[in-house]
Amino acid sequence: MIKRLFATLAFAIGLVGAGQALACPNWNNPTVFGQQSLQAGFLPDPYVRNLTAGGRVNLADCSPYLGAGWVVSRPDFRLQYQGTSPTGRLTFALEARSNVDPILVVNAPDGSWYYNDDYRGFNSAIVFTNPMSGQYDIWTGSYNRSSNNPAQLIITEYNY
């Protein structure tokens, strides 16, 4: 009886954990605001995409994400980047167009996760030096729980 109780409890805890994991950012999902392919040395630079920041997924419930904030589970945007950056850098920046504190999460081509809050004022940015070719999945979130906050994703090879 006690073994059965512990087995049931362990199963229930597993289900709760699995539900949270399913709601976390997942690069394998389709994007919310589309995708773009850019070749190193792309023009015009910067590439700018209007989108919204925020979501209902609490990063504090997800692992291995580093930092606080709220996003959606699907990537907001996907970049296919090819070549060698002429400046040795690739920057993703998120500028709020509303009164929100934006956060930025990027899953790089090697599967590594990156997080930033408050790079320049409240706006966020992640700078890759000697960026890899491949797929970058980007989540544009907000530090506090909110959704549909107008923002601009800026992608540049120059100083931001």
N, C-alpha and C. Protein backbone atom coordinates (compact mmCIF):
# COMPACT_ATOMS: atom_id res chain seq x y z
N MET A 1 0.82 -1.19 0.00
CA MET A 1 0.00 0.00 0.00
C MET A 1 0.87 1.26 0.00
N ILE A 2 1.88 1.29 0.88
CA ILE A 2 2.76 2.46 0.94
C ILE A 2 3.56 2.58 -0.36
N LYS A 3 4.02 1.44 -0.92
CA LYS A 3 4.75 1.48 -2.19
C LYS A 3 3.87 2.07 -3.30
N ARG A 4 2.61 1.65 -3.31
CA ARG A 4 1.68 2.15 -4.32
C ARG A 4 1.45 3.66 -4.15
N LEU A 5 1.34 4.12 -2.92
CA LEU A 5 1.16 5.54 -2.63
C LEU A 5 2.37 6.34 -3.13
N PHE A 6 3.58 5.86 -2.83
CA PHE A 6 4.79 6.54 -3.29
C PHE A 6 4.89 6.52 -4.81
N ALA A 7 4.52 5.40 -5.43
CA ALA A 7 4.57 5.31 -6.89
C ALA A 7 3.59 6.30 -7.52
N THR A 8 2.39 6.41 -6.95
CA THR A 8 1.39 7.35 -7.45
C THR A 8 1.87 8.79 -7.27
N LEU A 9 2.44 9.08 -6.11
CA LEU A 9 2.96 10.41 -5.83
C LEU A 9 4.09 10.76 -6.80
N ALA A 10 5.01 9.84 -7.03
CA ALA A 10 6.13 10.08 -7.95
C ALA A 10 5.62 10.31 -9.37
N PHE A 11 4.61 9.54 -9.79
CA PHE A 11 4.03 9.72 -11.12
C PHE A 11 3.38 11.10 -11.25
N ALA A 12 2.64 11.51 -10.21
CA ALA A 12 1.97 12.82 -10.24
C ALA A 12 3.00 13.94 -10.30
N ILE A 13 4.06 13.84 -9.52
CA ILE A 13 5.12 14.86 -9.56
C ILE A 13 5.76 14.90 -10.94
N GLY A 14 5.96 13.74 -11.53
CA GLY A 14 6.52 13.67 -12.89
C GLY A 14 5.63 14.36 -13.90
N LEU A 15 4.32 14.18 -13.76
CA LEU A 15 3.39 14.84 -14.68
C LEU A 15 3.44 16.34 -14.54
N VAL A 16 3.52 16.83 -13.30
CA VAL A 16 3.60 18.28 -13.09
C VAL A 16 4.87 18.81 -13.73
N GLY A 17 6.00 18.17 -13.51
CA GLY A 17 7.27 18.59 -14.10
C GLY A 17 7.23 18.53 -15.61
N ALA A 18 6.61 17.49 -16.15
CA ALA A 18 6.53 17.36 -17.61
C ALA A 18 5.68 18.48 -18.19
N GLY A 19 4.58 18.84 -17.50
CA GLY A 19 3.73 19.93 -17.98
C GLY A 19 4.47 21.24 -18.03
N GLN A 20 5.30 21.50 -17.02
CA GLN A 20 6.08 22.73 -17.02
C GLN A 20 7.10 22.70 -18.13
N ALA A 21 7.76 21.56 -18.35
CA ALA A 21 8.79 21.48 -19.38
C ALA A 21 8.17 21.69 -20.76
N LEU A 22 6.95 21.17 -20.98
CA LEU A 22 6.30 21.34 -22.27
C LEU A 22 5.98 22.81 -22.55
N ALA A 23 5.75 23.60 -21.51
CA ALA A 23 5.40 25.00 -21.68
C ALA A 23 6.63 25.89 -21.83
N CYS A 24 7.82 25.36 -21.61
CA CYS A 24 9.04 26.17 -21.68
C CYS A 24 9.43 26.44 -23.13
N PRO A 25 10.30 27.43 -23.35
CA PRO A 25 10.76 27.71 -24.71
C PRO A 25 11.32 26.46 -25.38
N ASN A 26 10.87 26.24 -26.61
CA ASN A 26 11.27 25.05 -27.35
C ASN A 26 11.60 25.47 -28.78
N TRP A 27 12.86 25.35 -29.17
CA TRP A 27 13.32 25.75 -30.50
C TRP A 27 12.68 24.91 -31.59
N ASN A 28 12.12 23.78 -31.24
CA ASN A 28 11.56 22.87 -32.22
C ASN A 28 10.16 23.29 -32.68
N ASN A 29 9.61 24.32 -32.07
CA ASN A 29 8.28 24.82 -32.43
C ASN A 29 8.36 25.78 -33.61
N PRO A 30 7.26 25.95 -34.36
CA PRO A 30 7.24 27.00 -35.40
C PRO A 30 7.30 28.38 -34.76
N THR A 31 7.76 29.35 -35.51
CA THR A 31 7.93 30.71 -34.98
C THR A 31 6.62 31.49 -34.98
N VAL A 32 6.59 32.53 -34.17
CA VAL A 32 5.44 33.42 -34.09
C VAL A 32 5.52 34.49 -35.18
N PHE A 33 6.70 35.09 -35.37
CA PHE A 33 6.86 36.22 -36.29
C PHE A 33 7.75 35.91 -37.49
N GLY A 34 7.91 34.64 -37.82
CA GLY A 34 8.61 34.27 -39.03
C GLY A 34 10.09 34.05 -38.87
N GLN A 35 10.75 34.01 -40.02
CA GLN A 35 12.19 33.75 -40.05
C GLN A 35 12.82 34.48 -41.22
N GLN A 36 14.15 34.54 -41.17
CA GLN A 36 14.90 35.23 -42.21
C GLN A 36 16.25 34.53 -42.37
N SER A 37 16.73 34.47 -43.59
CA SER A 37 18.09 34.00 -43.87
C SER A 37 18.95 35.21 -44.19
N LEU A 38 20.09 35.30 -43.53
CA LEU A 38 21.02 36.39 -43.79
C LEU A 38 22.41 35.82 -44.00
N GLN A 39 23.06 36.31 -45.03
CA GLN A 39 24.44 35.95 -45.33
C GLN A 39 25.36 36.95 -44.62
N ALA A 40 26.48 36.50 -44.09
CA ALA A 40 27.44 37.42 -43.45
C ALA A 40 27.72 38.60 -44.38
N GLY A 41 27.78 39.79 -43.82
CA GLY A 41 27.96 41.00 -44.61
C GLY A 41 26.66 41.52 -45.18
N PHE A 42 25.53 41.06 -44.63
CA PHE A 42 24.21 41.42 -45.16
C PHE A 42 23.99 42.93 -45.17
N LEU A 43 23.21 43.37 -46.17
CA LEU A 43 22.78 44.75 -46.30
C LEU A 43 21.30 44.76 -46.60
N PRO A 44 20.53 45.68 -46.12
CA PRO A 44 20.97 46.73 -45.20
C PRO A 44 21.24 46.15 -43.82
N ASP A 45 22.15 46.75 -43.14
CA ASP A 45 22.50 46.41 -41.77
C ASP A 45 22.27 47.66 -40.94
N PRO A 46 21.37 47.65 -39.98
CA PRO A 46 20.78 46.49 -39.32
C PRO A 46 19.53 45.97 -40.04
N TYR A 47 19.24 44.69 -39.78
CA TYR A 47 17.98 44.09 -40.17
C TYR A 47 17.04 44.33 -38.98
N VAL A 48 15.84 44.86 -39.25
CA VAL A 48 14.90 45.20 -38.17
C VAL A 48 13.58 44.48 -38.42
N ARG A 49 13.04 43.89 -37.34
CA ARG A 49 11.77 43.18 -37.42
C ARG A 49 10.85 43.69 -36.30
N ASN A 50 9.67 44.17 -36.67
CA ASN A 50 8.67 44.57 -35.68
C ASN A 50 7.96 43.32 -35.15
N LEU A 51 7.78 43.27 -33.85
CA LEU A 51 7.11 42.13 -33.22
C LEU A 51 6.59 42.56 -31.86
N THR A 52 6.12 41.63 -31.07
CA THR A 52 5.69 41.95 -29.71
C THR A 52 6.49 41.11 -28.72
N ALA A 53 6.74 41.68 -27.55
CA ALA A 53 7.50 41.01 -26.50
C ALA A 53 6.57 40.60 -25.38
N GLY A 54 6.97 39.57 -24.66
CA GLY A 54 6.21 39.12 -23.50
C GLY A 54 5.62 37.75 -23.71
N GLY A 55 4.90 37.28 -22.71
CA GLY A 55 4.27 35.97 -22.80
C GLY A 55 3.76 35.51 -21.45
N ARG A 56 3.34 34.26 -21.43
CA ARG A 56 2.76 33.69 -20.21
C ARG A 56 3.59 32.54 -19.65
N VAL A 57 4.77 32.30 -20.23
CA VAL A 57 5.66 31.25 -19.73
C VAL A 57 6.71 31.90 -18.83
N ASN A 58 6.74 31.48 -17.57
CA ASN A 58 7.68 32.03 -16.60
C ASN A 58 9.01 31.29 -16.72
N LEU A 59 10.07 32.01 -17.10
CA LEU A 59 11.38 31.38 -17.26
C LEU A 59 11.89 30.78 -15.94
N ALA A 60 11.41 31.28 -14.81
CA ALA A 60 11.84 30.74 -13.52
C ALA A 60 11.43 29.27 -13.37
N ASP A 61 10.42 28.84 -14.12
CA ASP A 61 9.96 27.45 -14.06
C ASP A 61 10.69 26.57 -15.06
N CYS A 62 11.58 27.14 -15.84
CA CYS A 62 12.24 26.42 -16.93
C CYS A 62 13.73 26.27 -16.65
N SER A 63 14.30 25.24 -17.20
CA SER A 63 15.74 25.02 -17.07
C SER A 63 16.25 24.66 -18.44
N PRO A 64 17.36 25.14 -18.89
CA PRO A 64 18.48 25.79 -18.24
C PRO A 64 18.51 27.30 -18.42
N TYR A 65 17.39 27.95 -18.61
CA TYR A 65 17.36 29.37 -18.92
C TYR A 65 17.88 30.19 -17.75
N LEU A 66 18.69 31.17 -18.06
CA LEU A 66 19.35 31.97 -17.04
C LEU A 66 18.68 33.33 -16.95
N GLY A 67 17.90 33.56 -15.94
CA GLY A 67 17.32 34.87 -15.77
C GLY A 67 15.81 34.83 -15.59
N ALA A 68 15.29 35.98 -15.23
CA ALA A 68 13.87 36.12 -14.96
C ALA A 68 13.16 36.71 -16.17
N GLY A 69 11.90 36.39 -16.31
CA GLY A 69 11.11 36.97 -17.38
C GLY A 69 10.03 36.05 -17.87
N TRP A 70 9.27 36.58 -18.80
CA TRP A 70 8.10 35.90 -19.35
C TRP A 70 8.18 35.89 -20.87
N VAL A 71 7.97 34.73 -21.48
CA VAL A 71 8.04 34.55 -22.92
C VAL A 71 6.89 33.64 -23.36
N VAL A 72 6.84 33.34 -24.65
CA VAL A 72 5.95 32.30 -25.18
C VAL A 72 6.81 31.06 -25.42
N SER A 73 6.18 29.91 -25.58
CA SER A 73 6.97 28.68 -25.77
C SER A 73 7.57 28.59 -27.17
N ARG A 74 6.90 29.17 -28.16
CA ARG A 74 7.42 29.15 -29.53
C ARG A 74 8.46 30.25 -29.71
N PRO A 75 9.49 30.03 -30.53
CA PRO A 75 10.41 31.14 -30.82
C PRO A 75 9.64 32.28 -31.47
N ASP A 76 9.96 33.50 -31.10
CA ASP A 76 9.33 34.64 -31.76
C ASP A 76 9.87 34.80 -33.17
N PHE A 77 11.16 34.50 -33.34
CA PHE A 77 11.81 34.72 -34.64
C PHE A 77 12.95 33.73 -34.79
N ARG A 78 13.24 33.35 -36.03
CA ARG A 78 14.34 32.43 -36.33
C ARG A 78 15.22 33.05 -37.40
N LEU A 79 16.52 33.05 -37.14
CA LEU A 79 17.50 33.53 -38.12
C LEU A 79 18.36 32.37 -38.58
N GLN A 80 18.45 32.20 -39.90
CA GLN A 80 19.42 31.29 -40.50
C GLN A 80 20.57 32.17 -40.96
N TYR A 81 21.72 32.03 -40.30
CA TYR A 81 22.87 32.90 -40.56
C TYR A 81 23.98 32.06 -41.17
N GLN A 82 24.56 32.55 -42.28
CA GLN A 82 25.62 31.81 -42.97
C GLN A 82 26.82 32.69 -43.24
N GLY A 83 28.01 32.12 -43.09
CA GLY A 83 29.23 32.83 -43.45
C GLY A 83 30.01 33.29 -42.23
N THR A 84 31.02 34.10 -42.52
CA THR A 84 31.90 34.65 -41.49
C THR A 84 31.68 36.15 -41.41
N SER A 85 31.28 36.62 -40.25
CA SER A 85 30.99 38.04 -40.06
C SER A 85 32.23 38.87 -40.36
N PRO A 86 32.11 39.90 -41.22
CA PRO A 86 33.27 40.74 -41.52
C PRO A 86 33.75 41.56 -40.32
N THR A 87 32.88 41.75 -39.32
CA THR A 87 33.26 42.51 -38.14
C THR A 87 33.60 41.59 -36.96
N GLY A 88 33.37 40.28 -37.13
CA GLY A 88 33.63 39.35 -36.05
C GLY A 88 32.54 39.33 -34.98
N ARG A 89 31.37 39.90 -35.30
CA ARG A 89 30.29 39.91 -34.30
C ARG A 89 28.93 39.82 -34.99
N LEU A 90 27.98 39.37 -34.21
CA LEU A 90 26.58 39.34 -34.61
C LEU A 90 25.79 39.68 -33.35
N THR A 91 24.98 40.73 -33.43
CA THR A 91 24.24 41.21 -32.26
C THR A 91 22.75 41.10 -32.50
N PHE A 92 22.05 40.59 -31.48
CA PHE A 92 20.60 40.59 -31.44
C PHE A 92 20.21 41.57 -30.34
N ALA A 93 19.42 42.58 -30.68
CA ALA A 93 18.99 43.58 -29.71
C ALA A 93 17.47 43.67 -29.73
N LEU A 94 16.90 43.95 -28.58
CA LEU A 94 15.46 44.10 -28.46
C LEU A 94 15.17 45.46 -27.84
N GLU A 95 14.48 46.30 -28.61
CA GLU A 95 14.11 47.64 -28.14
C GLU A 95 12.61 47.71 -27.97
N ALA A 96 12.19 48.05 -26.77
CA ALA A 96 10.76 48.17 -26.46
C ALA A 96 10.20 49.41 -27.13
N ARG A 97 8.99 49.31 -27.64
CA ARG A 97 8.26 50.45 -28.20
C ARG A 97 7.07 50.77 -27.31
N SER A 98 7.14 50.28 -26.09
CA SER A 98 6.10 50.55 -25.08
C SER A 98 6.80 50.62 -23.73
N ASN A 99 6.03 50.82 -22.70
CA ASN A 99 6.59 50.98 -21.36
C ASN A 99 6.77 49.60 -20.71
N VAL A 100 7.68 48.79 -21.26
CA VAL A 100 7.94 47.45 -20.74
C VAL A 100 9.45 47.24 -20.65
N ASP A 101 9.88 46.40 -19.74
CA ASP A 101 11.28 46.03 -19.60
C ASP A 101 11.49 44.73 -20.38
N PRO A 102 12.05 44.80 -21.61
CA PRO A 102 12.18 43.59 -22.42
C PRO A 102 13.36 42.71 -22.00
N ILE A 103 13.20 41.41 -22.22
CA ILE A 103 14.29 40.46 -22.05
C ILE A 103 14.46 39.71 -23.36
N LEU A 104 15.64 39.15 -23.54
CA LEU A 104 15.97 38.45 -24.79
C LEU A 104 16.56 37.09 -24.45
N VAL A 105 16.08 36.05 -25.13
CA VAL A 105 16.61 34.69 -24.98
C VAL A 105 16.94 34.20 -26.38
N VAL A 106 18.14 33.63 -26.55
CA VAL A 106 18.57 33.10 -27.85
C VAL A 106 19.10 31.69 -27.67
N ASN A 107 18.64 30.79 -28.54
CA ASN A 107 19.21 29.46 -28.63
C ASN A 107 20.11 29.46 -29.86
N ALA A 108 21.43 29.30 -29.64
CA ALA A 108 22.43 29.38 -30.71
C ALA A 108 22.50 28.07 -31.50
N PRO A 109 23.19 28.09 -32.66
CA PRO A 109 23.28 26.89 -33.49
C PRO A 109 23.87 25.67 -32.79
N ASP A 110 24.71 25.86 -31.78
CA ASP A 110 25.29 24.72 -31.06
C ASP A 110 24.41 24.23 -29.92
N GLY A 111 23.21 24.81 -29.76
CA GLY A 111 22.29 24.40 -28.71
C GLY A 111 22.45 25.16 -27.41
N SER A 112 23.42 26.07 -27.33
CA SER A 112 23.62 26.87 -26.11
C SER A 112 22.53 27.93 -25.99
N TRP A 113 22.15 28.21 -24.73
CA TRP A 113 21.13 29.21 -24.43
C TRP A 113 21.79 30.47 -23.90
N TYR A 114 21.28 31.64 -24.33
CA TYR A 114 21.80 32.95 -23.89
C TYR A 114 20.62 33.80 -23.45
N TYR A 115 20.86 34.63 -22.44
CA TYR A 115 19.82 35.47 -21.86
C TYR A 115 20.40 36.86 -21.61
N ASN A 116 19.58 37.90 -21.82
CA ASN A 116 20.01 39.24 -21.43
C ASN A 116 18.81 40.08 -21.03
N ASP A 117 19.06 40.90 -20.01
CA ASP A 117 18.11 41.92 -19.56
C ASP A 117 18.94 43.16 -19.28
N ASP A 118 18.52 44.30 -19.79
CA ASP A 118 19.14 45.59 -19.48
C ASP A 118 20.57 45.76 -20.02
N TYR A 119 20.73 45.58 -21.31
CA TYR A 119 22.03 45.81 -21.97
C TYR A 119 22.30 47.30 -22.11
N ARG A 120 21.28 48.01 -22.60
CA ARG A 120 21.35 49.47 -22.76
C ARG A 120 20.07 50.05 -22.17
N GLY A 121 20.18 50.61 -20.96
CA GLY A 121 18.96 51.00 -20.26
C GLY A 121 18.16 49.75 -19.97
N PHE A 122 16.87 49.78 -20.27
CA PHE A 122 16.05 48.59 -20.08
C PHE A 122 16.08 47.67 -21.29
N ASN A 123 16.61 48.14 -22.42
CA ASN A 123 16.63 47.32 -23.63
C ASN A 123 17.70 46.23 -23.52
N SER A 124 17.45 45.13 -24.21
CA SER A 124 18.30 43.93 -24.11
C SER A 124 19.10 43.71 -25.38
N ALA A 125 20.25 43.06 -25.24
CA ALA A 125 21.05 42.67 -26.41
C ALA A 125 21.96 41.50 -26.04
N ILE A 126 22.22 40.68 -27.03
CA ILE A 126 23.17 39.57 -26.90
C ILE A 126 24.14 39.68 -28.06
N VAL A 127 25.44 39.72 -27.76
CA VAL A 127 26.48 39.88 -28.77
C VAL A 127 27.25 38.57 -28.88
N PHE A 128 27.31 38.03 -30.09
CA PHE A 128 28.12 36.84 -30.37
C PHE A 128 29.39 37.30 -31.06
N THR A 129 30.54 36.94 -30.50
CA THR A 129 31.81 37.21 -31.18
C THR A 129 32.17 35.97 -31.96
N ASN A 130 32.66 36.17 -33.18
CA ASN A 130 32.92 35.06 -34.11
C ASN A 130 31.70 34.14 -34.18
N PRO A 131 30.56 34.68 -34.62
CA PRO A 131 29.31 33.92 -34.60
C PRO A 131 29.37 32.70 -35.52
N MET A 132 28.70 31.66 -35.08
CA MET A 132 28.59 30.42 -35.85
C MET A 132 27.57 30.59 -36.96
N SER A 133 27.76 29.86 -38.03
CA SER A 133 26.72 29.73 -39.04
C SER A 133 25.67 28.79 -38.49
N GLY A 134 24.43 29.02 -38.89
CA GLY A 134 23.36 28.11 -38.50
C GLY A 134 22.14 28.83 -38.00
N GLN A 135 21.31 28.08 -37.28
CA GLN A 135 20.00 28.56 -36.84
C GLN A 135 20.06 29.18 -35.45
N TYR A 136 19.57 30.42 -35.36
CA TYR A 136 19.42 31.13 -34.10
C TYR A 136 17.92 31.30 -33.85
N ASP A 137 17.45 30.78 -32.73
CA ASP A 137 16.04 30.94 -32.35
C ASP A 137 15.97 31.99 -31.24
N ILE A 138 15.04 32.94 -31.40
CA ILE A 138 15.00 34.12 -30.55
C ILE A 138 13.63 34.26 -29.89
N TRP A 139 13.66 34.48 -28.57
CA TRP A 139 12.45 34.77 -27.81
C TRP A 139 12.54 36.20 -27.29
N THR A 140 11.48 36.96 -27.51
CA THR A 140 11.43 38.35 -27.06
C THR A 140 10.41 38.42 -25.93
N GLY A 141 10.91 38.58 -24.72
CA GLY A 141 10.04 38.53 -23.55
C GLY A 141 9.99 39.83 -22.80
N SER A 142 9.36 39.76 -21.64
CA SER A 142 9.29 40.92 -20.74
C SER A 142 9.69 40.47 -19.35
N TYR A 143 10.31 41.37 -18.61
CA TYR A 143 10.78 41.04 -17.26
C TYR A 143 9.60 40.73 -16.35
N ASN A 144 8.52 41.52 -16.47
CA ASN A 144 7.31 41.27 -15.70
C ASN A 144 6.28 40.63 -16.60
N ARG A 145 5.37 39.87 -16.02
CA ARG A 145 4.37 39.17 -16.82
C ARG A 145 3.50 40.16 -17.58
N SER A 146 3.60 40.11 -18.90
CA SER A 146 2.77 40.91 -19.77
C SER A 146 2.91 40.35 -21.19
N SER A 147 2.00 40.71 -22.05
CA SER A 147 2.00 40.22 -23.43
C SER A 147 1.72 41.35 -24.40
N ASN A 148 2.03 41.09 -25.66
CA ASN A 148 1.69 42.00 -26.75
C ASN A 148 2.26 43.40 -26.58
N ASN A 149 3.52 43.48 -26.18
CA ASN A 149 4.21 44.75 -26.02
C ASN A 149 4.98 45.06 -27.31
N PRO A 150 4.63 46.11 -28.04
CA PRO A 150 5.34 46.43 -29.28
C PRO A 150 6.85 46.57 -29.04
N ALA A 151 7.63 45.96 -29.93
CA ALA A 151 9.08 46.00 -29.82
C ALA A 151 9.71 45.82 -31.19
N GLN A 152 11.00 46.09 -31.27
CA GLN A 152 11.77 45.85 -32.49
C GLN A 152 12.94 44.95 -32.18
N LEU A 153 13.08 43.90 -32.98
CA LEU A 153 14.26 43.04 -32.93
C LEU A 153 15.24 43.61 -33.95
N ILE A 154 16.45 43.88 -33.50
CA ILE A 154 17.49 44.45 -34.36
C ILE A 154 18.62 43.45 -34.47
N ILE A 155 19.00 43.14 -35.70
CA ILE A 155 20.12 42.20 -35.94
C ILE A 155 21.18 42.97 -36.71
N THR A 156 22.40 43.00 -36.16
CA THR A 156 23.47 43.78 -36.79
C THR A 156 24.82 43.09 -36.61
N GLU A 157 25.72 43.36 -37.55
CA GLU A 157 27.10 42.91 -37.42
C GLU A 157 27.99 44.06 -36.93
N TYR A 158 27.43 45.24 -36.77
CA TYR A 158 28.20 46.40 -36.31
C TYR A 158 28.01 46.60 -34.81
N ASN A 159 28.69 47.58 -34.23
CA ASN A 159 28.52 47.92 -32.83
C ASN A 159 27.08 48.35 -32.59
N TYR A 160 26.54 47.90 -31.48
CA TYR A 160 25.17 48.29 -31.13
C TYR A 160 25.23 49.23 -29.95
